[in-house]
């Protein structure tokens, strides 16, 4: 089936265009400054900007409640992943999730494990059979209920700061492709530090802001920029580089133990052919150009990091293991 005439539906509440009443202007989430350079505009009014004082890339104006994008239609979410819930197909991110957990296990193979931003539980379900006692938190009533119903996971419907966990509750706290969604990242890190035991670790994986910036500039030169979807600014409200992420962690008393690059996420392309964002992998032949390009850039990013000593603009993402100082 071709792409013409298809209606592309997702379970979330995101819209292609937003208005002034949907957004708010905010200062830099790291240093509080309001001197900025505009880099890009998405979905009519969402501004991707860079702080002139600390170089953090963030979104302003941004949606007033960006997390509510995920408070969507349960039936549509379940339809996106029905083959996975039935046990017939893997999730397209399963290789990424296993890589993440194997890295965490190198530093903390057992103990009390908290996953922040659990979504439907696709990452957290892989902790089963390991030596962790794992729970999750997610503010979306829709997604957290799906995680409980379809995977039987212990997922609390709450923001982390409202969960009521006592000090030093966890050996591991993970945020995989979550921290970029957090509007108040320093407050989140303070809560993570409070909840970590003295020898505990936090694992964070975020998209690389410098990668998106390089992609934007390349598309601008080619005259192929779109009105949205370079930065996903409707949901990703802060965009980190290896430098700004380290600075953010250190500002809240977390010491970086390891910084690296994870394999790229090979996003499914079903929606381009059938109009629905099914969450299981598409065959390589259906999206071979993008999948090949992501893989080539990933291997190039490893070489770049070896030369620079940190992830650079070719890295699709940044991973960090950190401990309380």
Protein backbone atom coordinates (compact mmCIF):
# COMPACT_ATOMS: atom_id res chain seq x y z
CA UNK A 1 0.00 0.00 0.00
CA UNK A 2 1.36 3.44 -0.88
CA UNK A 3 1.52 6.53 1.29
CA UNK A 4 -0.97 8.77 -0.55
CA UNK A 5 -4.20 9.52 1.30
CA UNK A 6 -3.31 7.79 4.56
CA UNK A 7 -4.36 9.30 7.87
CA UNK A 8 -1.46 8.95 10.30
CA UNK A 9 -2.80 8.34 13.82
CA UNK A 10 -0.97 8.07 17.13
CA UNK A 11 -2.25 7.35 20.59
CA UNK A 12 -0.98 10.63 22.02
CA UNK A 13 -2.52 14.10 22.01
CA UNK A 14 0.14 15.87 19.94
CA UNK A 15 -1.00 18.26 17.21
CA UNK A 16 0.74 19.37 14.04
CA UNK A 17 0.12 23.05 14.84
CA UNK A 18 -0.10 24.90 18.16
CA UNK A 19 -1.23 28.42 19.01
CA UNK A 20 0.07 31.13 21.35
CA UNK A 21 -2.42 30.13 24.03
CA UNK A 22 -0.90 26.64 24.19
CA UNK A 23 2.62 27.75 25.07
CA UNK A 24 4.65 29.63 27.66
CA UNK A 25 8.02 31.37 27.55
CA UNK A 26 10.55 30.11 30.07
CA UNK A 27 14.11 30.99 31.15
CA UNK A 28 17.01 28.60 30.72
CA UNK A 29 16.34 25.42 32.74
CA UNK A 30 20.00 25.20 33.77
CA UNK A 31 21.21 28.70 34.61
CA UNK A 32 17.99 30.72 34.69
CA UNK A 33 19.16 33.28 32.13
CA UNK A 34 16.77 34.67 29.53
CA UNK A 35 19.31 35.68 26.89
CA UNK A 36 18.90 33.29 24.01
CA UNK A 37 19.47 32.66 20.33
CA UNK A 38 16.59 31.27 18.28
CA UNK A 39 17.65 28.18 16.34
CA UNK A 40 14.40 26.90 14.86
CA UNK A 41 10.61 27.02 15.06
CA UNK A 42 8.40 23.95 15.03
CA UNK A 43 4.65 23.47 14.84
CA UNK A 44 4.00 27.16 14.33
CA UNK A 45 4.98 28.52 17.77
CA UNK A 46 7.44 26.13 19.49
CA UNK A 47 10.86 27.77 19.65
CA UNK A 48 14.12 25.84 19.81
CA UNK A 49 16.65 28.19 21.43
CA UNK A 50 20.17 28.18 22.85
CA UNK A 51 21.12 29.96 26.08
CA UNK A 52 23.79 32.61 25.49
CA UNK A 53 25.19 32.09 29.01
CA UNK A 54 25.50 28.30 29.37
CA UNK A 55 24.89 26.96 25.81
CA UNK A 56 21.97 24.72 26.85
CA UNK A 57 19.52 24.10 24.00
CA UNK A 58 15.90 24.09 25.14
CA UNK A 59 12.38 24.92 23.98
CA UNK A 60 10.84 28.34 24.58
CA UNK A 61 8.03 28.99 23.98
CA UNK A 62 7.12 25.43 24.96
CA UNK A 63 3.85 23.65 25.67
CA UNK A 64 2.46 24.48 29.09
CA UNK A 65 2.05 20.83 30.06
CA UNK A 66 4.16 18.82 27.59
CA UNK A 67 3.85 15.58 29.59
CA UNK A 68 0.11 15.54 28.86
CA UNK A 69 0.85 14.72 25.24
CA UNK A 70 1.03 11.12 26.55
CA UNK A 71 -2.32 11.21 28.35
CA UNK A 72 -4.01 9.89 25.24
CA UNK A 73 -6.36 7.19 24.00
CA UNK A 74 -5.69 3.80 25.62
CA UNK A 75 -7.27 1.89 22.76
CA UNK A 76 -4.97 3.52 20.21
CA UNK A 77 -1.88 2.90 22.35
CA UNK A 78 -2.77 -0.76 22.77
CA UNK A 79 -3.40 -1.08 19.04
CA UNK A 80 0.07 0.32 18.33
CA UNK A 81 1.62 -2.51 20.37
CA UNK A 82 -0.94 -5.32 20.16
CA UNK A 83 1.48 -7.84 18.63
CA UNK A 84 3.96 -7.18 21.43
CA UNK A 85 1.38 -7.59 24.19
CA UNK A 86 0.33 -10.85 22.54
CA UNK A 87 3.94 -12.08 22.62
CA UNK A 88 4.13 -12.50 18.85
CA UNK A 89 6.62 -9.76 17.99
CA UNK A 90 9.38 -7.80 19.77
CA UNK A 91 9.27 -4.10 20.46
CA UNK A 92 11.40 -2.10 18.04
CA UNK A 93 13.48 -0.79 20.95
CA UNK A 94 14.14 -4.16 22.60
CA UNK A 95 17.80 -4.23 21.43
CA UNK A 96 18.25 -0.74 22.89
CA UNK A 97 16.55 -1.64 26.17
CA UNK A 98 18.70 -4.75 26.62
CA UNK A 99 21.86 -2.76 25.88
CA UNK A 100 20.81 -0.18 28.48
CA UNK A 101 20.10 -2.79 31.16
CA UNK A 102 23.30 -4.71 30.48
CA UNK A 103 25.24 -1.48 31.02
CA UNK A 104 23.37 -0.77 34.27
CA UNK A 105 24.10 -4.31 35.46
CA UNK A 106 27.83 -3.74 35.04
CA UNK A 107 27.66 -1.12 37.79
CA UNK A 108 24.74 -2.33 39.93
CA UNK A 109 23.53 -5.87 39.10
CA UNK A 110 21.10 -6.16 42.02
CA UNK A 111 19.01 -4.08 44.40
CA UNK A 112 16.01 -1.79 44.39
CA UNK A 113 15.42 -0.41 40.90
CA UNK A 114 13.27 2.59 39.97
CA UNK A 115 12.42 3.47 36.38
CA UNK A 116 11.21 7.04 35.84
CA UNK A 117 8.88 7.62 32.91
CA UNK A 118 7.98 3.97 32.46
CA UNK A 119 5.44 4.55 29.68
CA UNK A 120 3.77 1.21 28.80
CA UNK A 121 6.51 -0.81 30.47
CA UNK A 122 8.47 -2.04 27.49
CA UNK A 123 11.82 -1.19 29.11
CA UNK A 124 10.90 -2.19 32.66
CA UNK A 125 9.60 -5.62 31.64
CA UNK A 126 13.16 -6.63 30.75
CA UNK A 127 14.23 -6.35 34.40
CA UNK A 128 12.35 -9.59 35.08
CA UNK A 129 14.59 -12.56 35.64
CA UNK A 130 17.37 -10.34 36.96
CA UNK A 131 18.35 -9.58 40.55
CA UNK A 132 16.55 -6.25 40.76
CA UNK A 133 13.35 -5.44 42.66
CA UNK A 134 11.90 -3.11 40.04
CA UNK A 135 9.10 -0.56 40.07
CA UNK A 136 8.24 2.38 37.84
CA UNK A 137 6.56 5.77 37.93
CA UNK A 138 4.78 7.56 35.11
CA UNK A 139 2.39 10.52 35.29
CA UNK A 140 0.23 9.32 32.38
CA UNK A 141 -2.89 7.56 33.70
CA UNK A 142 -3.28 5.88 30.32
CA UNK A 143 0.25 4.52 29.94
CA UNK A 144 0.76 3.42 33.54
CA UNK A 145 -2.53 1.50 33.52
CA UNK A 146 -1.49 -0.28 30.31
CA UNK A 147 1.82 -1.28 31.96
CA UNK A 148 -0.06 -2.73 34.93
CA UNK A 149 -2.76 -4.44 32.88
CA UNK A 150 -0.73 -5.93 30.03
CA UNK A 151 2.59 -6.67 31.77
CA UNK A 152 1.60 -6.89 35.44
CA UNK A 153 4.29 -4.35 36.37
CA UNK A 154 4.36 -2.28 39.55
CA UNK A 155 3.99 1.17 38.01
CA UNK A 156 2.73 4.12 40.07
CA UNK A 157 0.69 6.82 38.32
CA UNK A 158 2.55 9.85 39.60
CA UNK A 159 5.29 12.35 39.00
CA UNK A 160 8.48 11.29 40.78
CA UNK A 161 8.41 14.22 43.19
CA UNK A 162 4.87 13.27 44.27
CA UNK A 163 5.54 9.54 44.74
CA UNK A 164 6.38 9.84 48.46
CA UNK A 165 9.47 7.63 48.43
CA UNK A 166 11.69 8.03 51.52
CA UNK A 167 15.33 9.11 51.34
CA UNK A 168 17.87 6.58 50.03
CA UNK A 169 15.24 4.17 48.69
CA UNK A 170 16.96 2.91 45.55
CA UNK A 171 20.17 1.38 44.26
CA UNK A 172 19.35 2.19 40.62
CA UNK A 173 17.29 4.97 39.08
CA UNK A 174 16.89 4.97 35.30
CA UNK A 175 15.63 7.54 32.82
CA UNK A 176 15.88 6.10 29.32
CA UNK A 177 14.76 8.62 26.68
CA UNK A 178 12.93 10.49 29.45
CA UNK A 179 15.15 13.28 30.79
CA UNK A 180 14.68 15.36 27.62
CA UNK A 181 10.95 15.49 28.46
CA UNK A 182 11.52 17.01 31.91
CA UNK A 183 10.63 20.71 32.15
CA UNK A 184 12.49 21.22 35.47
CA UNK A 185 15.56 18.98 35.08
CA UNK A 186 17.56 20.34 38.03
CA UNK A 187 14.69 19.69 40.43
CA UNK A 188 14.40 16.18 39.00
CA UNK A 189 18.10 15.52 39.59
CA UNK A 190 17.84 16.76 43.17
CA UNK A 191 15.04 14.26 43.74
CA UNK A 192 17.08 11.48 42.12
CA UNK A 193 20.04 12.30 44.35
CA UNK A 194 17.80 12.25 47.44
CA UNK A 195 16.42 8.84 46.53
CA UNK A 196 19.75 7.18 45.69
CA UNK A 197 21.56 5.13 48.31
CA UNK A 198 25.20 6.12 48.97
CA UNK A 199 26.55 3.56 46.49
CA UNK A 200 23.61 3.83 44.05
CA UNK A 201 23.72 4.90 40.42
CA UNK A 202 21.50 6.74 37.99
CA UNK A 203 21.45 5.85 34.30
CA UNK A 204 20.27 8.51 31.85
CA UNK A 205 19.97 8.29 28.07
CA UNK A 206 18.96 11.34 26.02
CA UNK A 207 18.98 12.34 22.36
CA UNK A 208 22.02 14.41 21.46
CA UNK A 209 21.16 18.07 20.84
CA UNK A 210 24.26 18.61 18.70
CA UNK A 211 23.16 15.76 16.43
CA UNK A 212 19.78 17.43 15.89
CA UNK A 213 21.46 20.77 15.26
CA UNK A 214 23.75 19.23 12.66
CA UNK A 215 20.77 17.53 11.02
CA UNK A 216 18.86 20.82 10.93
CA UNK A 217 21.76 22.67 9.32
CA UNK A 218 22.29 19.96 6.72
CA UNK A 219 18.60 19.97 5.77
CA UNK A 220 18.61 23.75 5.59
CA UNK A 221 21.49 23.64 3.11
CA UNK A 222 19.56 21.09 1.06
CA UNK A 223 16.37 23.13 1.27
CA UNK A 224 14.53 20.20 2.80
CA UNK A 225 13.54 21.38 6.29
CA UNK A 226 9.99 20.64 7.38
CA UNK A 227 7.65 22.57 9.62
CA UNK A 228 8.26 20.09 12.45
CA UNK A 229 9.94 16.87 13.59
CA UNK A 230 13.62 17.75 13.52
CA UNK A 231 13.63 18.50 17.28
CA UNK A 232 10.27 16.98 18.38
CA UNK A 233 9.85 20.19 20.35
CA UNK A 234 6.27 19.38 21.35
CA UNK A 235 7.62 16.68 23.70
CA UNK A 236 11.42 17.12 23.98
CA UNK A 237 11.74 20.34 25.95
CA UNK A 238 15.49 20.27 26.75
CA UNK A 239 18.24 19.16 24.36
CA UNK A 240 21.60 18.19 25.86
CA UNK A 241 25.13 17.91 24.56
CA UNK A 242 27.73 15.87 26.41
CA UNK A 243 29.04 19.14 27.91
CA UNK A 244 25.71 20.56 29.09
CA UNK A 245 24.50 17.20 30.41
CA UNK A 246 27.65 16.77 32.49
CA UNK A 247 27.32 20.35 33.74
CA UNK A 248 23.68 19.75 34.70
CA UNK A 249 24.50 16.58 36.64
CA UNK A 250 27.46 18.12 38.45
CA UNK A 251 25.41 21.17 39.41
CA UNK A 252 23.15 18.87 41.45
CA UNK A 253 25.88 16.82 43.11
CA UNK A 254 26.02 13.86 40.72
CA UNK A 255 29.42 12.72 39.44
CA UNK A 256 29.65 11.20 35.96
CA UNK A 257 31.18 7.73 36.12
CA UNK A 258 30.75 6.90 32.46
CA UNK A 259 29.57 8.83 29.41
CA UNK A 260 29.01 7.05 26.12
CA UNK A 261 26.86 6.46 23.05
CA UNK A 262 24.20 3.77 22.65
CA UNK A 263 23.20 2.11 19.42
CA UNK A 264 20.66 4.16 17.41
CA UNK A 265 16.94 3.55 17.74
CA UNK A 266 15.67 2.09 14.48
CA UNK A 267 12.21 3.61 14.40
CA UNK A 268 9.49 1.59 12.66
CA UNK A 269 8.17 2.92 9.37
CA UNK A 270 4.74 1.24 9.29
CA UNK A 271 2.94 4.58 9.41
CA UNK A 272 4.33 5.52 6.02
CA UNK A 273 2.60 2.52 4.44
CA UNK A 274 -0.45 1.73 6.57
CA UNK A 275 -1.12 5.00 8.42
CA UNK A 276 -0.55 3.60 11.93
CA UNK A 277 2.49 3.79 14.19
CA UNK A 278 2.87 0.14 15.09
CA UNK A 279 5.64 -0.26 17.65
CA UNK A 280 7.18 -3.48 16.38
CA UNK A 281 10.10 -3.44 13.90
CA UNK A 282 9.60 -2.97 10.19
CA UNK A 283 11.63 -5.06 7.74
CA UNK A 284 14.93 -3.52 6.75
CA UNK A 285 13.85 -3.24 3.09
CA UNK A 286 10.94 -0.96 4.02
CA UNK A 287 13.23 1.68 5.50
CA UNK A 288 16.72 0.68 4.44
CA UNK A 289 18.00 4.17 3.66
CA UNK A 290 17.24 5.57 7.12
CA UNK A 291 18.33 2.44 8.94
CA UNK A 292 21.62 2.34 7.06
CA UNK A 293 22.26 6.06 7.59
CA UNK A 294 21.62 5.74 11.35
CA UNK A 295 24.03 2.81 11.59
CA UNK A 296 26.76 4.54 9.59
CA UNK A 297 26.48 7.69 11.70
CA UNK A 298 26.57 5.62 14.88
CA UNK A 299 29.85 3.96 13.94
CA UNK A 300 31.21 7.32 12.88
CA UNK A 301 30.18 8.77 16.23
CA UNK A 302 32.22 6.17 18.09
CA UNK A 303 35.30 7.15 16.11
CA UNK A 304 34.57 10.85 16.69
CA UNK A 305 34.19 10.28 20.43
CA UNK A 306 37.48 8.38 20.55
CA UNK A 307 39.24 11.39 19.01
CA UNK A 308 37.41 14.13 20.96
CA UNK A 309 37.20 12.31 24.27
CA UNK A 310 33.41 12.79 24.44
CA UNK A 311 30.35 12.33 22.20
CA UNK A 312 30.18 14.86 19.39
CA UNK A 313 27.72 15.91 16.71
CA UNK A 314 27.58 12.50 15.01
CA UNK A 315 26.33 10.74 18.14
CA UNK A 316 22.58 10.00 17.97
CA UNK A 317 22.32 9.95 21.75
CA UNK A 318 24.27 10.34 24.98
CA UNK A 319 24.33 7.85 27.84
CA UNK A 320 25.49 8.60 31.37
CA UNK A 321 26.09 6.57 34.50
CA UNK A 322 26.42 8.84 37.55
CA UNK A 323 26.74 8.56 41.33
CA UNK A 324 26.06 10.98 44.15
CA UNK A 325 29.19 12.92 45.13
